[in-house]
C-alpha cells in the first residue's frame, strides 16, 4: 500500500501551556511557522490534508487546506480535534500528526502502511515510548472515538489501547519525533 487513499490530519488545537498559551503552530522555528515544517513533510505523503485547530481561525483559513475547528472549544484534547475532522475524510485511511513535530520522517506513512491491513492502527516507537499522536488508522476505527469520549476520558493512549494496534520500531530516528514544546526549543 502506497500513499493512495490517505488523508493527513495535522493537530493544532492544543492549549500550548508550556508556550505560555501562544498558538504553537504559528510560532517561528528556523524561519517559518512550526506548522509549515510539518505540512512540508506530510503533504507529499498523503492525498488530502486537513488541519484541526481550536483558535485563531483567520490564520488557518489563510492556508490552502481544509481547516476545521474543534467541535468542543477549550482544548478538549487531540481526540476531539480528530473527531471534528472525521466527517470530512473521504479516504479509507487517515494519518494523524501534531503540529509541533517539525522533523517527522518524510517516509513515515511508507513505514507504517504495510501493517495497516491486519490492524486498526499503526504507531511508531521512538526507542523510549510509543508516539501516540502519530498514527496511521483506518477511518472506520475513528468512529469509536465518540463513544470513548462519552465515557469521560480523553486520553489518546487509552483510546489506542482499545484498538487492534501494531507498533513500528523507529528508534533509529528518535530525533524525528521531537516535539517543540518550550520557548528555548524555538531558538
C-alpha atoms as a PDB file:
ATOM      1  CA  UNK A   1       0.000   0.000   0.000  1.00  0.00           C
ATOM      2  CA  UNK A   2       1.466   3.328  -1.008  1.00  0.00           C
ATOM      3  CA  UNK A   3       0.238   6.778  -0.128  1.00  0.00           C
ATOM      4  CA  UNK A   4      -3.008   6.416  -2.074  1.00  0.00           C
ATOM      5  CA  UNK A   5      -6.251   6.895  -0.230  1.00  0.00           C
ATOM      6  CA  UNK A   6      -4.766   8.574   2.836  1.00  0.00           C
ATOM      7  CA  UNK A   7      -5.909  11.819   4.423  1.00  0.00           C
ATOM      8  CA  UNK A   8      -3.482  13.583   6.738  1.00  0.00           C
ATOM      9  CA  UNK A   9      -4.712  15.415   9.828  1.00  0.00           C
ATOM     10  CA  UNK A  10      -2.380  17.888  11.499  1.00  0.00           C
ATOM     11  CA  UNK A  11      -3.497  18.595  15.057  1.00  0.00           C
ATOM     12  CA  UNK A  12      -3.050  22.247  16.010  1.00  0.00           C
ATOM     13  CA  UNK A  13      -5.670  22.706  18.717  1.00  0.00           C
ATOM     14  CA  UNK A  14      -3.636  22.282  21.889  1.00  0.00           C
ATOM     15  CA  UNK A  15      -3.527  24.691  24.808  1.00  0.00           C
ATOM     16  CA  UNK A  16       0.244  25.330  24.438  1.00  0.00           C
ATOM     17  CA  UNK A  17       0.636  25.695  28.216  1.00  0.00           C
ATOM     18  CA  UNK A  18       4.427  25.329  28.020  1.00  0.00           C
ATOM     19  CA  UNK A  19       4.494  28.051  25.350  1.00  0.00           C
ATOM     20  CA  UNK A  20       2.622  30.465  27.634  1.00  0.00           C
ATOM     21  CA  UNK A  21      -0.622  29.871  25.768  1.00  0.00           C
ATOM     22  CA  UNK A  22       0.675  31.116  22.401  1.00  0.00           C
ATOM     23  CA  UNK A  23      -0.634  29.245  19.362  1.00  0.00           C
ATOM     24  CA  UNK A  24       2.279  26.855  18.963  1.00  0.00           C
ATOM     25  CA  UNK A  25       1.532  26.086  15.314  1.00  0.00           C
ATOM     26  CA  UNK A  26       2.339  29.655  14.291  1.00  0.00           C
ATOM     27  CA  UNK A  27       5.463  30.228  16.375  1.00  0.00           C
ATOM     28  CA  UNK A  28       8.504  30.810  14.174  1.00  0.00           C
ATOM     29  CA  UNK A  29      11.012  27.982  14.008  1.00  0.00           C
ATOM     30  CA  UNK A  30      14.009  28.099  11.661  1.00  0.00           C
ATOM     31  CA  UNK A  31      12.476  30.857   9.556  1.00  0.00           C
ATOM     32  CA  UNK A  32       8.857  29.697   9.292  1.00  0.00           C
ATOM     33  CA  UNK A  33       5.917  28.693  11.477  1.00  0.00           C
ATOM     34  CA  UNK A  34       6.143  25.246  13.086  1.00  0.00           C
ATOM     35  CA  UNK A  35       3.041  24.046  11.264  1.00  0.00           C
ATOM     36  CA  UNK A  36       4.603  24.803   7.876  1.00  0.00           C
ATOM     37  CA  UNK A  37       7.514  22.459   8.653  1.00  0.00           C
ATOM     38  CA  UNK A  38       5.024  19.681   9.397  1.00  0.00           C
ATOM     39  CA  UNK A  39       2.931  20.461   6.295  1.00  0.00           C
ATOM     40  CA  UNK A  40       6.022  20.258   4.065  1.00  0.00           C
ATOM     41  CA  UNK A  41       6.948  16.847   5.475  1.00  0.00           C
ATOM     42  CA  UNK A  42       3.437  15.356   5.477  1.00  0.00           C
ATOM     43  CA  UNK A  43       1.795  16.775   2.341  1.00  0.00           C
ATOM     44  CA  UNK A  44       3.848  14.645  -0.128  1.00  0.00           C
ATOM     45  CA  UNK A  45       2.838  11.509   1.808  1.00  0.00           C
ATOM     46  CA  UNK A  46      -0.946  11.994   1.668  1.00  0.00           C
ATOM     47  CA  UNK A  47      -3.665  12.608  -0.900  1.00  0.00           C
ATOM     48  CA  UNK A  48      -5.500  15.195   1.162  1.00  0.00           C
ATOM     49  CA  UNK A  49      -4.528  17.372   4.114  1.00  0.00           C
ATOM     50  CA  UNK A  50      -6.809  18.632   6.895  1.00  0.00           C
ATOM     51  CA  UNK A  51      -5.840  20.929   9.753  1.00  0.00           C
ATOM     52  CA  UNK A  52      -7.593  20.744  13.113  1.00  0.00           C
ATOM     53  CA  UNK A  53      -7.437  23.900  15.250  1.00  0.00           C
ATOM     54  CA  UNK A  54      -9.160  25.453  18.247  1.00  0.00           C
ATOM     55  CA  UNK A  55      -8.445  29.179  17.982  1.00  0.00           C
ATOM     56  CA  UNK A  56      -7.343  31.917  15.566  1.00  0.00           C
ATOM     57  CA  UNK A  57      -9.462  30.793  12.584  1.00  0.00           C
ATOM     58  CA  UNK A  58      -8.142  33.625  10.410  1.00  0.00           C
ATOM     59  CA  UNK A  59      -4.624  32.148  10.490  1.00  0.00           C
ATOM     60  CA  UNK A  60      -5.806  28.704   9.426  1.00  0.00           C
ATOM     61  CA  UNK A  61      -8.224  29.971   6.779  1.00  0.00           C
ATOM     62  CA  UNK A  62      -5.241  31.670   5.088  1.00  0.00           C
ATOM     63  CA  UNK A  63      -3.811  28.228   4.265  1.00  0.00           C
ATOM     64  CA  UNK A  64      -4.805  26.315   1.100  1.00  0.00           C
ATOM     65  CA  UNK A  65      -6.083  23.313   3.072  1.00  0.00           C
ATOM     66  CA  UNK A  66      -9.340  22.280   4.661  1.00  0.00           C
ATOM     67  CA  UNK A  67      -9.274  23.588   8.242  1.00  0.00           C
ATOM     68  CA  UNK A  68     -11.811  22.570  10.860  1.00  0.00           C
ATOM     69  CA  UNK A  69     -12.286  23.972  14.315  1.00  0.00           C
ATOM     70  CA  UNK A  70     -12.641  21.589  17.252  1.00  0.00           C
ATOM     71  CA  UNK A  71     -16.338  20.989  17.792  1.00  0.00           C
ATOM     72  CA  UNK A  72     -15.847  21.464  21.541  1.00  0.00           C
ATOM     73  CA  UNK A  73     -13.927  24.633  22.264  1.00  0.00           C
ATOM     74  CA  UNK A  74     -11.465  24.995  25.097  1.00  0.00           C
ATOM     75  CA  UNK A  75      -8.709  22.446  24.463  1.00  0.00           C
ATOM     76  CA  UNK A  76     -10.658  19.261  24.967  1.00  0.00           C
ATOM     77  CA  UNK A  77      -7.753  17.178  23.724  1.00  0.00           C
ATOM     78  CA  UNK A  78      -6.471  15.656  20.480  1.00  0.00           C
ATOM     79  CA  UNK A  79      -9.281  13.114  20.154  1.00  0.00           C
ATOM     80  CA  UNK A  80     -11.800  15.963  19.932  1.00  0.00           C
ATOM     81  CA  UNK A  81      -9.735  17.502  17.137  1.00  0.00           C
ATOM     82  CA  UNK A  82      -9.618  14.208  15.262  1.00  0.00           C
ATOM     83  CA  UNK A  83     -13.343  13.691  15.730  1.00  0.00           C
ATOM     84  CA  UNK A  84     -14.011  17.206  14.408  1.00  0.00           C
ATOM     85  CA  UNK A  85     -12.331  16.222  11.128  1.00  0.00           C
ATOM     86  CA  UNK A  86     -13.855  12.740  10.726  1.00  0.00           C
ATOM     87  CA  UNK A  87     -16.899  13.687   8.679  1.00  0.00           C
ATOM     88  CA  UNK A  88     -14.696  15.461   6.113  1.00  0.00           C
ATOM     89  CA  UNK A  89     -12.463  12.456   5.398  1.00  0.00           C
ATOM     90  CA  UNK A  90     -13.252  10.711   2.105  1.00  0.00           C
ATOM     91  CA  UNK A  91     -10.368   8.228   2.129  1.00  0.00           C
ATOM     92  CA  UNK A  92     -10.257   4.821   3.887  1.00  0.00           C
ATOM     93  CA  UNK A  93      -7.079   5.682   5.820  1.00  0.00           C
ATOM     94  CA  UNK A  94      -6.008   8.647   7.922  1.00  0.00           C
ATOM     95  CA  UNK A  95      -2.577   9.701   9.172  1.00  0.00           C
ATOM     96  CA  UNK A  96      -2.506  11.871  12.301  1.00  0.00           C
ATOM     97  CA  UNK A  97       0.420  14.036  13.416  1.00  0.00           C
ATOM     98  CA  UNK A  98       0.806  17.012  15.798  1.00  0.00           C
ATOM     99  CA  UNK A  99       1.760  20.481  14.558  1.00  0.00           C
ATOM    100  CA  UNK A 100       4.861  20.661  16.773  1.00  0.00           C
ATOM    101  CA  UNK A 101       6.904  17.809  15.272  1.00  0.00           C
ATOM    102  CA  UNK A 102       8.982  19.540  12.550  1.00  0.00           C
ATOM    103  CA  UNK A 103      11.276  16.569  11.925  1.00  0.00           C
ATOM    104  CA  UNK A 104       8.638  13.887  11.354  1.00  0.00           C
ATOM    105  CA  UNK A 105      10.145  11.419   8.850  1.00  0.00           C
ATOM    106  CA  UNK A 106       9.289  12.106   5.218  1.00  0.00           C
ATOM    107  CA  UNK A 107       8.689   8.384   4.762  1.00  0.00           C
ATOM    108  CA  UNK A 108       6.599   7.855   7.905  1.00  0.00           C
ATOM    109  CA  UNK A 109       3.479   6.610   6.129  1.00  0.00           C
ATOM    110  CA  UNK A 110       5.557   4.304   3.955  1.00  0.00           C
ATOM    111  CA  UNK A 111       6.974   2.800   7.172  1.00  0.00           C
ATOM    112  CA  UNK A 112       3.572   2.381   8.851  1.00  0.00           C
ATOM    113  CA  UNK A 113       1.317   1.394   5.944  1.00  0.00           C
ATOM    114  CA  UNK A 114       2.500  -2.220   5.389  1.00  0.00           C
ATOM    115  CA  UNK A 115       0.933  -3.120   8.748  1.00  0.00           C
ATOM    116  CA  UNK A 116      -2.457  -1.392   8.447  1.00  0.00           C
ATOM    117  CA  UNK A 117      -4.168  -4.202   6.573  1.00  0.00           C
ATOM    118  CA  UNK A 118      -4.070  -6.546   9.588  1.00  0.00           C
ATOM    119  CA  UNK A 119      -4.539  -3.856  12.275  1.00  0.00           C
ATOM    120  CA  UNK A 120      -6.803  -0.898  13.014  1.00  0.00           C
ATOM    121  CA  UNK A 121      -3.990   1.490  13.976  1.00  0.00           C
ATOM    122  CA  UNK A 122      -0.215   1.564  13.408  1.00  0.00           C
ATOM    123  CA  UNK A 123       2.034   3.801  15.521  1.00  0.00           C
ATOM    124  CA  UNK A 124       5.785   4.429  15.717  1.00  0.00           C
ATOM    125  CA  UNK A 125       8.009   3.626  18.696  1.00  0.00           C
ATOM    126  CA  UNK A 126      10.882   6.112  19.076  1.00  0.00           C
ATOM    127  CA  UNK A 127      13.143   3.964  21.250  1.00  0.00           C
ATOM    128  CA  UNK A 128      11.733   5.349  24.508  1.00  0.00           C
ATOM    129  CA  UNK A 129       7.967   5.478  24.020  1.00  0.00           C
ATOM    130  CA  UNK A 130       5.182   4.873  21.581  1.00  0.00           C
ATOM    131  CA  UNK A 131       4.295   8.119  19.812  1.00  0.00           C
ATOM    132  CA  UNK A 132       0.543   8.215  20.465  1.00  0.00           C
ATOM    133  CA  UNK A 133      -0.089  11.380  18.461  1.00  0.00           C
ATOM    134  CA  UNK A 134       1.499   9.960  15.305  1.00  0.00           C
ATOM    135  CA  UNK A 135      -0.523   7.153  13.814  1.00  0.00           C
ATOM    136  CA  UNK A 136      -1.994   5.624  10.690  1.00  0.00           C
ATOM    137  CA  UNK A 137      -5.548   4.403  11.144  1.00  0.00           C
ATOM    138  CA  UNK A 138      -8.459   3.004   9.242  1.00  0.00           C
ATOM    139  CA  UNK A 139     -11.034   5.803   9.118  1.00  0.00           C
ATOM    140  CA  UNK A 140     -13.794   3.478  10.325  1.00  0.00           C
ATOM    141  CA  UNK A 141     -11.758   2.940  13.520  1.00  0.00           C
ATOM    142  CA  UNK A 142     -12.122   6.636  14.346  1.00  0.00           C
ATOM    143  CA  UNK A 143     -15.866   6.092  14.815  1.00  0.00           C
ATOM    144  CA  UNK A 144     -15.104   4.629  18.240  1.00  0.00           C
ATOM    145  CA  UNK A 145     -13.676   7.964  19.464  1.00  0.00           C
ATOM    146  CA  UNK A 146     -17.130   9.453  20.090  1.00  0.00           C
ATOM    147  CA  UNK A 147     -18.170   6.627  22.416  1.00  0.00           C
ATOM    148  CA  UNK A 148     -14.778   6.699  24.129  1.00  0.00           C
ATOM    149  CA  UNK A 149     -15.105  10.446  24.847  1.00  0.00           C
ATOM    150  CA  UNK A 150     -18.619   9.905  26.202  1.00  0.00           C
ATOM    151  CA  UNK A 151     -17.068   7.702  28.898  1.00  0.00           C
ATOM    152  CA  UNK A 152     -15.479  10.869  30.306  1.00  0.00           C
ATOM    153  CA  UNK A 153     -11.879  10.189  29.371  1.00  0.00           C
ATOM    154  CA  UNK A 154      -9.799  11.997  26.747  1.00  0.00           C
ATOM    155  CA  UNK A 155      -6.538  10.020  26.609  1.00  0.00           C
ATOM    156  CA  UNK A 156      -5.256   9.159  23.133  1.00  0.00           C
ATOM    157  CA  UNK A 157      -3.160   6.412  24.739  1.00  0.00           C
ATOM    158  CA  UNK A 158      -6.295   4.991  26.373  1.00  0.00           C
ATOM    159  CA  UNK A 159      -8.259   5.048  23.123  1.00  0.00           C
ATOM    160  CA  UNK A 160      -5.384   3.429  21.221  1.00  0.00           C
ATOM    161  CA  UNK A 161      -5.128   0.676  23.852  1.00  0.00           C
ATOM    162  CA  UNK A 162      -8.666  -0.392  22.873  1.00  0.00           C
ATOM    163  CA  UNK A 163      -7.738  -0.826  19.183  1.00  0.00           C
ATOM    164  CA  UNK A 164      -6.001  -3.600  17.277  1.00  0.00           C
ATOM    165  CA  UNK A 165      -2.634  -1.846  17.179  1.00  0.00           C
ATOM    166  CA  UNK A 166       0.763  -2.538  15.615  1.00  0.00           C
ATOM    167  CA  UNK A 167       3.919  -0.711  16.728  1.00  0.00           C
ATOM    168  CA  UNK A 168       6.742   0.017  14.255  1.00  0.00           C
ATOM    169  CA  UNK A 169      10.252   0.388  15.661  1.00  0.00           C
ATOM    170  CA  UNK A 170      11.570   3.798  14.608  1.00  0.00           C
ATOM    171  CA  UNK A 171      14.196   4.027  17.357  1.00  0.00           C
ATOM    172  CA  UNK A 172      16.947   4.820  14.845  1.00  0.00           C
ATOM    173  CA  UNK A 173      15.113   8.080  14.072  1.00  0.00           C
ATOM    174  CA  UNK A 174      14.342   9.082  17.639  1.00  0.00           C
ATOM    175  CA  UNK A 175      15.125  12.775  16.996  1.00  0.00           C
ATOM    176  CA  UNK A 176      12.482  12.832  14.244  1.00  0.00           C
ATOM    177  CA  UNK A 177       9.792  12.616  16.920  1.00  0.00           C
ATOM    178  CA  UNK A 178      10.991  15.565  18.979  1.00  0.00           C
ATOM    179  CA  UNK A 179       8.174  17.929  19.900  1.00  0.00           C
ATOM    180  CA  UNK A 180       8.851  21.644  20.134  1.00  0.00           C
ATOM    181  CA  UNK A 181       7.141  22.382  23.454  1.00  0.00           C
ATOM    182  CA  UNK A 182       9.032  25.184  25.181  1.00  0.00           C
ATOM    183  CA  UNK A 183      10.325  28.642  24.143  1.00  0.00           C
ATOM    184  CA  UNK A 184      14.038  27.647  24.418  1.00  0.00           C
ATOM    185  CA  UNK A 185      13.491  24.920  21.793  1.00  0.00           C
ATOM    186  CA  UNK A 186      12.457  27.558  19.252  1.00  0.00           C
ATOM    187  CA  UNK A 187      15.938  29.100  19.088  1.00  0.00           C
END
